[in-house]
Amino acid sequence: MFNISSYLEKISKSLKSTEVSKEQIIAIILKNTQITLLEENIEIKNFVLHIKTSPAIKNKLFIYKEKILKDFELNLTTKIVDIR
């Protein structure tokens, strides 16, 4: 018999992990670029970080892209290979 509580627990842990990752991502971006982002503006799909913001902020993020990605690699459990 399928145990629904264990399934819901797995989903809950996954969602909490995503929230923690977003908080860490925001902190790393703030440390490297002095840009403050909101969690609503960040989405991770297929190991790619998608940021919904103005073109000016995106340009500044792309200037520091390599440094940010190295910091992600060192400090995150979630793998991120690109920023878009």
PDB file of N, CA and C in Angstrom:
ATOM      1  N   MET A   1       0.839  -1.179   0.000  1.00  0.00           N
ATOM      2  CA  MET A   1       0.000   0.000   0.000  1.00  0.00           C
ATOM      3  C   MET A   1       0.883   1.241   0.000  1.00  0.00           C
ATOM      4  N   PHE A   2       0.514   2.196  -0.811  1.00  0.00           N
ATOM      5  CA  PHE A   2       1.266   3.437  -0.932  1.00  0.00           C
ATOM      6  C   PHE A   2       0.993   4.322   0.283  1.00  0.00           C
ATOM      7  N   ASN A   3       2.049   4.798   0.903  1.00  0.00           N
ATOM      8  CA  ASN A   3       1.921   5.621   2.098  1.00  0.00           C
ATOM      9  C   ASN A   3       1.990   7.089   1.692  1.00  0.00           C
ATOM     10  N   ILE A   4       0.858   7.771   1.742  1.00  0.00           N
ATOM     11  CA  ILE A   4       0.767   9.158   1.285  1.00  0.00           C
ATOM     12  C   ILE A   4       1.585  10.101   2.159  1.00  0.00           C
ATOM     13  N   SER A   5       1.693   9.819   3.443  1.00  0.00           N
ATOM     14  CA  SER A   5       2.434  10.724   4.330  1.00  0.00           C
ATOM     15  C   SER A   5       3.918  10.753   3.975  1.00  0.00           C
ATOM     16  N   SER A   6       4.486   9.620   3.613  1.00  0.00           N
ATOM     17  CA  SER A   6       5.905   9.621   3.232  1.00  0.00           C
ATOM     18  C   SER A   6       6.114  10.362   1.914  1.00  0.00           C
ATOM     19  N   TYR A   7       5.162  10.236   1.009  1.00  0.00           N
ATOM     20  CA  TYR A   7       5.240  10.957  -0.263  1.00  0.00           C
ATOM     21  C   TYR A   7       5.180  12.466  -0.028  1.00  0.00           C
ATOM     22  N   LEU A   8       4.243  12.903   0.791  1.00  0.00           N
ATOM     23  CA  LEU A   8       4.117  14.329   1.093  1.00  0.00           C
ATOM     24  C   LEU A   8       5.341  14.850   1.837  1.00  0.00           C
ATOM     25  N   GLU A   9       5.930  14.029   2.667  1.00  0.00           N
ATOM     26  CA  GLU A   9       7.145  14.421   3.383  1.00  0.00           C
ATOM     27  C   GLU A   9       8.298  14.655   2.405  1.00  0.00           C
ATOM     28  N   LYS A  10       8.425  13.797   1.406  1.00  0.00           N
ATOM     29  CA  LYS A  10       9.467  13.969   0.390  1.00  0.00           C
ATOM     30  C   LYS A  10       9.273  15.271  -0.376  1.00  0.00           C
ATOM     31  N   ILE A  11       8.041  15.562  -0.747  1.00  0.00           N
ATOM     32  CA  ILE A  11       7.747  16.805  -1.465  1.00  0.00           C
ATOM     33  C   ILE A  11       8.060  18.005  -0.585  1.00  0.00           C
ATOM     34  N   SER A  12       7.694  17.932   0.685  1.00  0.00           N
ATOM     35  CA  SER A  12       7.962  19.020   1.623  1.00  0.00           C
ATOM     36  C   SER A  12       9.459  19.288   1.753  1.00  0.00           C
ATOM     37  N   LYS A  13      10.255  18.228   1.868  1.00  0.00           N
ATOM     38  CA  LYS A  13      11.708  18.386   1.965  1.00  0.00           C
ATOM     39  C   LYS A  13      12.277  19.003   0.700  1.00  0.00           C
ATOM     40  N   SER A  14      11.748  18.606  -0.438  1.00  0.00           N
ATOM     41  CA  SER A  14      12.215  19.142  -1.711  1.00  0.00           C
ATOM     42  C   SER A  14      11.927  20.637  -1.810  1.00  0.00           C
ATOM     43  N   LEU A  15      10.738  21.044  -1.402  1.00  0.00           N
ATOM     44  CA  LEU A  15      10.378  22.460  -1.441  1.00  0.00           C
ATOM     45  C   LEU A  15      11.231  23.275  -0.480  1.00  0.00           C
ATOM     46  N   LYS A  16      11.494  22.748   0.705  1.00  0.00           N
ATOM     47  CA  LYS A  16      12.337  23.455   1.667  1.00  0.00           C
ATOM     48  C   LYS A  16      13.757  23.585   1.137  1.00  0.00           C
ATOM     49  N   SER A  17      14.242  22.559   0.474  1.00  0.00           N
ATOM     50  CA  SER A  17      15.577  22.590  -0.108  1.00  0.00           C
ATOM     51  C   SER A  17      15.674  23.676  -1.170  1.00  0.00           C
ATOM     52  N   THR A  18      14.630  23.808  -1.982  1.00  0.00           N
ATOM     53  CA  THR A  18      14.607  24.835  -3.018  1.00  0.00           C
ATOM     54  C   THR A  18      14.614  26.223  -2.398  1.00  0.00           C
ATOM     55  N   GLU A  19      13.851  26.415  -1.315  1.00  0.00           N
ATOM     56  CA  GLU A  19      13.817  27.707  -0.641  1.00  0.00           C
ATOM     57  C   GLU A  19      15.185  28.061  -0.072  1.00  0.00           C
ATOM     58  N   VAL A  20      15.847  27.095   0.547  1.00  0.00           N
ATOM     59  CA  VAL A  20      17.176  27.331   1.106  1.00  0.00           C
ATOM     60  C   VAL A  20      18.150  27.671  -0.012  1.00  0.00           C
ATOM     61  N   SER A  21      18.067  26.956  -1.112  1.00  0.00           N
ATOM     62  CA  SER A  21      18.950  27.223  -2.240  1.00  0.00           C
ATOM     63  C   SER A  21      18.742  28.637  -2.763  1.00  0.00           C
ATOM     64  N   LYS A  22      17.486  29.060  -2.871  1.00  0.00           N
ATOM     65  CA  LYS A  22      17.208  30.411  -3.359  1.00  0.00           C
ATOM     66  C   LYS A  22      17.786  31.458  -2.412  1.00  0.00           C
ATOM     67  N   GLU A  23      17.669  31.224  -1.117  1.00  0.00           N
ATOM     68  CA  GLU A  23      18.241  32.160  -0.147  1.00  0.00           C
ATOM     69  C   GLU A  23      19.758  32.218  -0.286  1.00  0.00           C
ATOM     70  N   GLN A  24      20.390  31.072  -0.477  1.00  0.00           N
ATOM     71  CA  GLN A  24      21.842  31.035  -0.659  1.00  0.00           C
ATOM     72  C   GLN A  24      22.238  31.711  -1.968  1.00  0.00           C
ATOM     73  N   ILE A  25      21.472  31.499  -3.022  1.00  0.00           N
ATOM     74  CA  ILE A  25      21.748  32.125  -4.317  1.00  0.00           C
ATOM     75  C   ILE A  25      21.683  33.634  -4.187  1.00  0.00           C
ATOM     76  N   ILE A  26      20.644  34.129  -3.522  1.00  0.00           N
ATOM     77  CA  ILE A  26      20.500  35.575  -3.325  1.00  0.00           C
ATOM     78  C   ILE A  26      21.686  36.122  -2.537  1.00  0.00           C
ATOM     79  N   ALA A  27      22.116  35.414  -1.505  1.00  0.00           N
ATOM     80  CA  ALA A  27      23.250  35.862  -0.692  1.00  0.00           C
ATOM     81  C   ALA A  27      24.541  35.888  -1.505  1.00  0.00           C
ATOM     82  N   ILE A  28      24.770  34.875  -2.329  1.00  0.00           N
ATOM     83  CA  ILE A  28      25.987  34.829  -3.149  1.00  0.00           C
ATOM     84  C   ILE A  28      25.990  35.956  -4.172  1.00  0.00           C
ATOM     85  N   ILE A  29      24.845  36.200  -4.806  1.00  0.00           N
ATOM     86  CA  ILE A  29      24.762  37.284  -5.788  1.00  0.00           C
ATOM     87  C   ILE A  29      24.966  38.624  -5.101  1.00  0.00           C
ATOM     88  N   LEU A  30      24.387  38.807  -3.929  1.00  0.00           N
ATOM     89  CA  LEU A  30      24.567  40.053  -3.178  1.00  0.00           C
ATOM     90  C   LEU A  30      26.031  40.257  -2.814  1.00  0.00           C
ATOM     91  N   LYS A  31      26.699  39.191  -2.381  1.00  0.00           N
ATOM     92  CA  LYS A  31      28.111  39.283  -1.992  1.00  0.00           C
ATOM     93  C   LYS A  31      28.998  39.677  -3.178  1.00  0.00           C
ATOM     94  N   ASN A  32      28.717  39.126  -4.351  1.00  0.00           N
ATOM     95  CA  ASN A  32      29.573  39.361  -5.508  1.00  0.00           C
ATOM     96  C   ASN A  32      29.237  40.620  -6.295  1.00  0.00           C
ATOM     97  N   THR A  33      27.967  41.050  -6.276  1.00  0.00           N
ATOM     98  CA  THR A  33      27.565  42.158  -7.147  1.00  0.00           C
ATOM     99  C   THR A  33      26.892  43.319  -6.429  1.00  0.00           C
ATOM    100  N   GLN A  34      26.570  43.170  -5.145  1.00  0.00           N
ATOM    101  CA  GLN A  34      25.810  44.152  -4.379  1.00  0.00           C
ATOM    102  C   GLN A  34      24.417  44.384  -4.982  1.00  0.00           C
ATOM    103  N   ILE A  35      23.862  43.365  -5.640  1.00  0.00           N
ATOM    104  CA  ILE A  35      22.506  43.412  -6.190  1.00  0.00           C
ATOM    105  C   ILE A  35      21.614  42.545  -5.307  1.00  0.00           C
ATOM    106  N   THR A  36      20.501  43.117  -4.860  1.00  0.00           N
ATOM    107  CA  THR A  36      19.544  42.371  -4.054  1.00  0.00           C
ATOM    108  C   THR A  36      18.414  41.889  -4.953  1.00  0.00           C
ATOM    109  N   LEU A  37      18.202  40.587  -4.978  1.00  0.00           N
ATOM    110  CA  LEU A  37      17.132  39.993  -5.772  1.00  0.00           C
ATOM    111  C   LEU A  37      16.065  39.423  -4.850  1.00  0.00           C
ATOM    112  N   LEU A  38      14.868  39.264  -5.374  1.00  0.00           N
ATOM    113  CA  LEU A  38      13.774  38.640  -4.638  1.00  0.00           C
ATOM    114  C   LEU A  38      13.654  37.175  -5.046  1.00  0.00           C
ATOM    115  N   GLU A  39      13.162  36.348  -4.127  1.00  0.00           N
ATOM    116  CA  GLU A  39      13.005  34.920  -4.423  1.00  0.00           C
ATOM    117  C   GLU A  39      12.051  34.691  -5.588  1.00  0.00           C
ATOM    118  N   GLU A  40      11.060  35.575  -5.756  1.00  0.00           N
ATOM    119  CA  GLU A  40      10.098  35.426  -6.848  1.00  0.00           C
ATOM    120  C   GLU A  40      10.753  35.605  -8.217  1.00  0.00           C
ATOM    121  N   ASN A  41      11.898  36.285  -8.251  1.00  0.00           N
ATOM    122  CA  ASN A  41      12.575  36.571  -9.514  1.00  0.00           C
ATOM    123  C   ASN A  41      13.600  35.512  -9.891  1.00  0.00           C
ATOM    124  N   ILE A  42      13.699  34.455  -9.104  1.00  0.00           N
ATOM    125  CA  ILE A  42      14.696  33.409  -9.345  1.00  0.00           C
ATOM    126  C   ILE A  42      13.987  32.089  -9.607  1.00  0.00           C
ATOM    127  N   GLU A  43      14.455  31.406 -10.644  1.00  0.00           N
ATOM    128  CA  GLU A  43      13.900  30.099 -10.977  1.00  0.00           C
ATOM    129  C   GLU A  43      15.031  29.207 -11.485  1.00  0.00           C
ATOM    130  N   ILE A  44      15.039  27.954 -11.059  1.00  0.00           N
ATOM    131  CA  ILE A  44      16.066  27.010 -11.495  1.00  0.00           C
ATOM    132  C   ILE A  44      15.394  25.935 -12.335  1.00  0.00           C
ATOM    133  N   LYS A  45      15.829  25.831 -13.599  1.00  0.00           N
ATOM    134  CA  LYS A  45      15.308  24.814 -14.512  1.00  0.00           C
ATOM    135  C   LYS A  45      16.485  24.139 -15.195  1.00  0.00           C
ATOM    136  N   ASN A  46      16.548  22.831 -15.106  1.00  0.00           N
ATOM    137  CA  ASN A  46      17.589  22.050 -15.796  1.00  0.00           C
ATOM    138  C   ASN A  46      18.992  22.575 -15.501  1.00  0.00           C
ATOM    139  N   PHE A  47      19.277  22.843 -14.240  1.00  0.00           N
ATOM    140  CA  PHE A  47      20.586  23.310 -13.774  1.00  0.00           C
ATOM    141  C   PHE A  47      20.944  24.707 -14.291  1.00  0.00           C
ATOM    142  N   VAL A  48      19.957  25.459 -14.760  1.00  0.00           N
ATOM    143  CA  VAL A  48      20.176  26.820 -15.245  1.00  0.00           C
ATOM    144  C   VAL A  48      19.381  27.766 -14.353  1.00  0.00           C
ATOM    145  N   LEU A  49      20.053  28.805 -13.875  1.00  0.00           N
ATOM    146  CA  LEU A  49      19.413  29.814 -13.040  1.00  0.00           C
ATOM    147  C   LEU A  49      18.809  30.879 -13.950  1.00  0.00           C
ATOM    148  N   HIS A  50      17.485  31.016 -13.905  1.00  0.00           N
ATOM    149  CA  HIS A  50      16.785  32.031 -14.687  1.00  0.00           C
ATOM    150  C   HIS A  50      16.424  33.176 -13.748  1.00  0.00           C
ATOM    151  N   ILE A  51      16.820  34.386 -14.127  1.00  0.00           N
ATOM    152  CA  ILE A  51      16.558  35.555 -13.293  1.00  0.00           C
ATOM    153  C   ILE A  51      15.671  36.509 -14.071  1.00  0.00           C
ATOM    154  N   LYS A  52      14.548  36.868 -13.467  1.00  0.00           N
ATOM    155  CA  LYS A  52      13.600  37.794 -14.078  1.00  0.00           C
ATOM    156  C   LYS A  52      13.834  39.165 -13.462  1.00  0.00           C
ATOM    157  N   THR A  53      14.496  40.029 -14.210  1.00  0.00           N
ATOM    158  CA  THR A  53      14.805  41.365 -13.717  1.00  0.00           C
ATOM    159  C   THR A  53      15.080  42.277 -14.904  1.00  0.00           C
ATOM    160  N   SER A  54      15.467  43.501 -14.633  1.00  0.00           N
ATOM    161  CA  SER A  54      15.703  44.469 -15.702  1.00  0.00           C
ATOM    162  C   SER A  54      16.981  44.132 -16.473  1.00  0.00           C
ATOM    163  N   PRO A  55      17.061  44.587 -17.716  1.00  0.00           N
ATOM    164  CA  PRO A  55      18.266  44.331 -18.514  1.00  0.00           C
ATOM    165  C   PRO A  55      19.542  44.914 -17.894  1.00  0.00           C
ATOM    166  N   ALA A  56      19.438  46.042 -17.221  1.00  0.00           N
ATOM    167  CA  ALA A  56      20.619  46.647 -16.602  1.00  0.00           C
ATOM    168  C   ALA A  56      21.186  45.744 -15.503  1.00  0.00           C
ATOM    169  N   ILE A  57      20.315  45.185 -14.696  1.00  0.00           N
ATOM    170  CA  ILE A  57      20.769  44.286 -13.629  1.00  0.00           C
ATOM    171  C   ILE A  57      21.316  42.997 -14.221  1.00  0.00           C
ATOM    172  N   LYS A  58      20.662  42.483 -15.270  1.00  0.00           N
ATOM    173  CA  LYS A  58      21.162  41.270 -15.927  1.00  0.00           C
ATOM    174  C   LYS A  58      22.562  41.494 -16.486  1.00  0.00           C
ATOM    175  N   ASN A  59      22.809  42.676 -17.061  1.00  0.00           N
ATOM    176  CA  ASN A  59      24.144  42.970 -17.587  1.00  0.00           C
ATOM    177  C   ASN A  59      25.190  42.924 -16.482  1.00  0.00           C
ATOM    178  N   LYS A  60      24.872  43.501 -15.329  1.00  0.00           N
ATOM    179  CA  LYS A  60      25.823  43.474 -14.222  1.00  0.00           C
ATOM    180  C   LYS A  60      26.057  42.040 -13.746  1.00  0.00           C
ATOM    181  N   LEU A  61      24.998  41.234 -13.727  1.00  0.00           N
ATOM    182  CA  LEU A  61      25.148  39.826 -13.344  1.00  0.00           C
ATOM    183  C   LEU A  61      26.050  39.085 -14.322  1.00  0.00           C
ATOM    184  N   PHE A  62      25.910  39.365 -15.609  1.00  0.00           N
ATOM    185  CA  PHE A  62      26.729  38.678 -16.609  1.00  0.00           C
ATOM    186  C   PHE A  62      28.189  39.114 -16.544  1.00  0.00           C
ATOM    187  N   ILE A  63      28.447  40.329 -16.082  1.00  0.00           N
ATOM    188  CA  ILE A  63      29.831  40.774 -15.896  1.00  0.00           C
ATOM    189  C   ILE A  63      30.515  39.909 -14.836  1.00  0.00           C
ATOM    190  N   TYR A  64      29.786  39.574 -13.781  1.00  0.00           N
ATOM    191  CA  TYR A  64      30.329  38.775 -12.677  1.00  0.00           C
ATOM    192  C   TYR A  64      29.957  37.295 -12.782  1.00  0.00           C
ATOM    193  N   LYS A  65      29.490  36.856 -13.933  1.00  0.00           N
ATOM    194  CA  LYS A  65      28.952  35.503 -14.110  1.00  0.00           C
ATOM    195  C   LYS A  65      29.930  34.405 -13.687  1.00  0.00           C
ATOM    196  N   GLU A  66      31.164  34.459 -14.145  1.00  0.00           N
ATOM    197  CA  GLU A  66      32.138  33.407 -13.826  1.00  0.00           C
ATOM    198  C   GLU A  66      32.405  33.331 -12.324  1.00  0.00           C
ATOM    199  N   LYS A  67      32.548  34.483 -11.694  1.00  0.00           N
ATOM    200  CA  LYS A  67      32.796  34.521 -10.255  1.00  0.00           C
ATOM    201  C   LYS A  67      31.595  33.969  -9.482  1.00  0.00           C
ATOM    202  N   ILE A  68      30.396  34.324  -9.913  1.00  0.00           N
ATOM    203  CA  ILE A  68      29.175  33.840  -9.260  1.00  0.00           C
ATOM    204  C   ILE A  68      29.051  32.327  -9.417  1.00  0.00           C
ATOM    205  N   LEU A  69      29.298  31.820 -10.626  1.00  0.00           N
ATOM    206  CA  LEU A  69      29.185  30.378 -10.867  1.00  0.00           C
ATOM    207  C   LEU A  69      30.201  29.585 -10.040  1.00  0.00           C
ATOM    208  N   LYS A  70      31.424  30.112  -9.897  1.00  0.00           N
ATOM    209  CA  LYS A  70      32.419  29.437  -9.057  1.00  0.00           C
ATOM    210  C   LYS A  70      31.972  29.411  -7.600  1.00  0.00           C
ATOM    211  N   ASP A  71      31.387  30.519  -7.161  1.00  0.00           N
ATOM    212  CA  ASP A  71      30.877  30.592  -5.792  1.00  0.00           C
ATOM    213  C   ASP A  71      29.715  29.612  -5.587  1.00  0.00           C
ATOM    214  N   PHE A  72      28.838  29.492  -6.589  1.00  0.00           N
ATOM    215  CA  PHE A  72      27.751  28.510  -6.525  1.00  0.00           C
ATOM    216  C   PHE A  72      28.313  27.106  -6.381  1.00  0.00           C
ATOM    217  N   GLU A  73      29.328  26.802  -7.169  1.00  0.00           N
ATOM    218  CA  GLU A  73      29.926  25.463  -7.158  1.00  0.00           C
ATOM    219  C   GLU A  73      30.495  25.118  -5.781  1.00  0.00           C
ATOM    220  N   LEU A  74      31.096  26.109  -5.135  1.00  0.00           N
ATOM    221  CA  LEU A  74      31.713  25.873  -3.831  1.00  0.00           C
ATOM    222  C   LEU A  74      30.704  25.810  -2.685  1.00  0.00           C
ATOM    223  N   ASN A  75      29.616  26.569  -2.783  1.00  0.00           N
ATOM    224  CA  ASN A  75      28.744  26.755  -1.626  1.00  0.00           C
ATOM    225  C   ASN A  75      27.352  26.142  -1.717  1.00  0.00           C
ATOM    226  N   LEU A  76      26.928  25.686  -2.883  1.00  0.00           N
ATOM    227  CA  LEU A  76      25.574  25.157  -3.025  1.00  0.00           C
ATOM    228  C   LEU A  76      25.574  23.650  -3.204  1.00  0.00           C
ATOM    229  N   THR A  77      24.533  23.024  -2.706  1.00  0.00           N
ATOM    230  CA  THR A  77      24.350  21.600  -2.983  1.00  0.00           C
ATOM    231  C   THR A  77      23.626  21.411  -4.312  1.00  0.00           C
ATOM    232  N   THR A  78      22.863  22.426  -4.728  1.00  0.00           N
ATOM    233  CA  THR A  78      22.177  22.402  -6.013  1.00  0.00           C
ATOM    234  C   THR A  78      23.171  22.788  -7.095  1.00  0.00           C
ATOM    235  N   LYS A  79      23.234  22.002  -8.153  1.00  0.00           N
ATOM    236  CA  LYS A  79      24.168  22.281  -9.234  1.00  0.00           C
ATOM    237  C   LYS A  79      23.560  23.320 -10.173  1.00  0.00           C
ATOM    238  N   ILE A  80      24.320  24.384 -10.447  1.00  0.00           N
ATOM    239  CA  ILE A  80      23.912  25.413 -11.399  1.00  0.00           C
ATOM    240  C   ILE A  80      25.063  25.603 -12.373  1.00  0.00           C
ATOM    241  N   VAL A  81      24.773  25.447 -13.668  1.00  0.00           N
ATOM    242  CA  VAL A  81      25.829  25.517 -14.673  1.00  0.00           C
ATOM    243  C   VAL A  81      25.784  26.791 -15.507  1.00  0.00           C
ATOM    244  N   ASP A  82      24.678  27.539 -15.439  1.00  0.00           N
ATOM    245  CA  ASP A  82      24.574  28.750 -16.252  1.00  0.00           C
ATOM    246  C   ASP A  82      23.587  29.715 -15.606  1.00  0.00           C
ATOM    247  N   ILE A  83      23.708  30.983 -15.995  1.00  0.00           N
ATOM    248  CA  ILE A  83      22.791  32.029 -15.544  1.00  0.00           C
ATOM    249  C   ILE A  83      22.183  32.659 -16.785  1.00  0.00           C
ATOM    250  N   ARG A  84      20.878  32.782 -16.785  1.00  0.00           N
ATOM    251  CA  ARG A  84      20.187  33.433 -17.913  1.00  0.00           C
ATOM    252  C   ARG A  84      19.155  34.390 -17.398  1.00  0.00           C
TER     253      ARG A  84
END
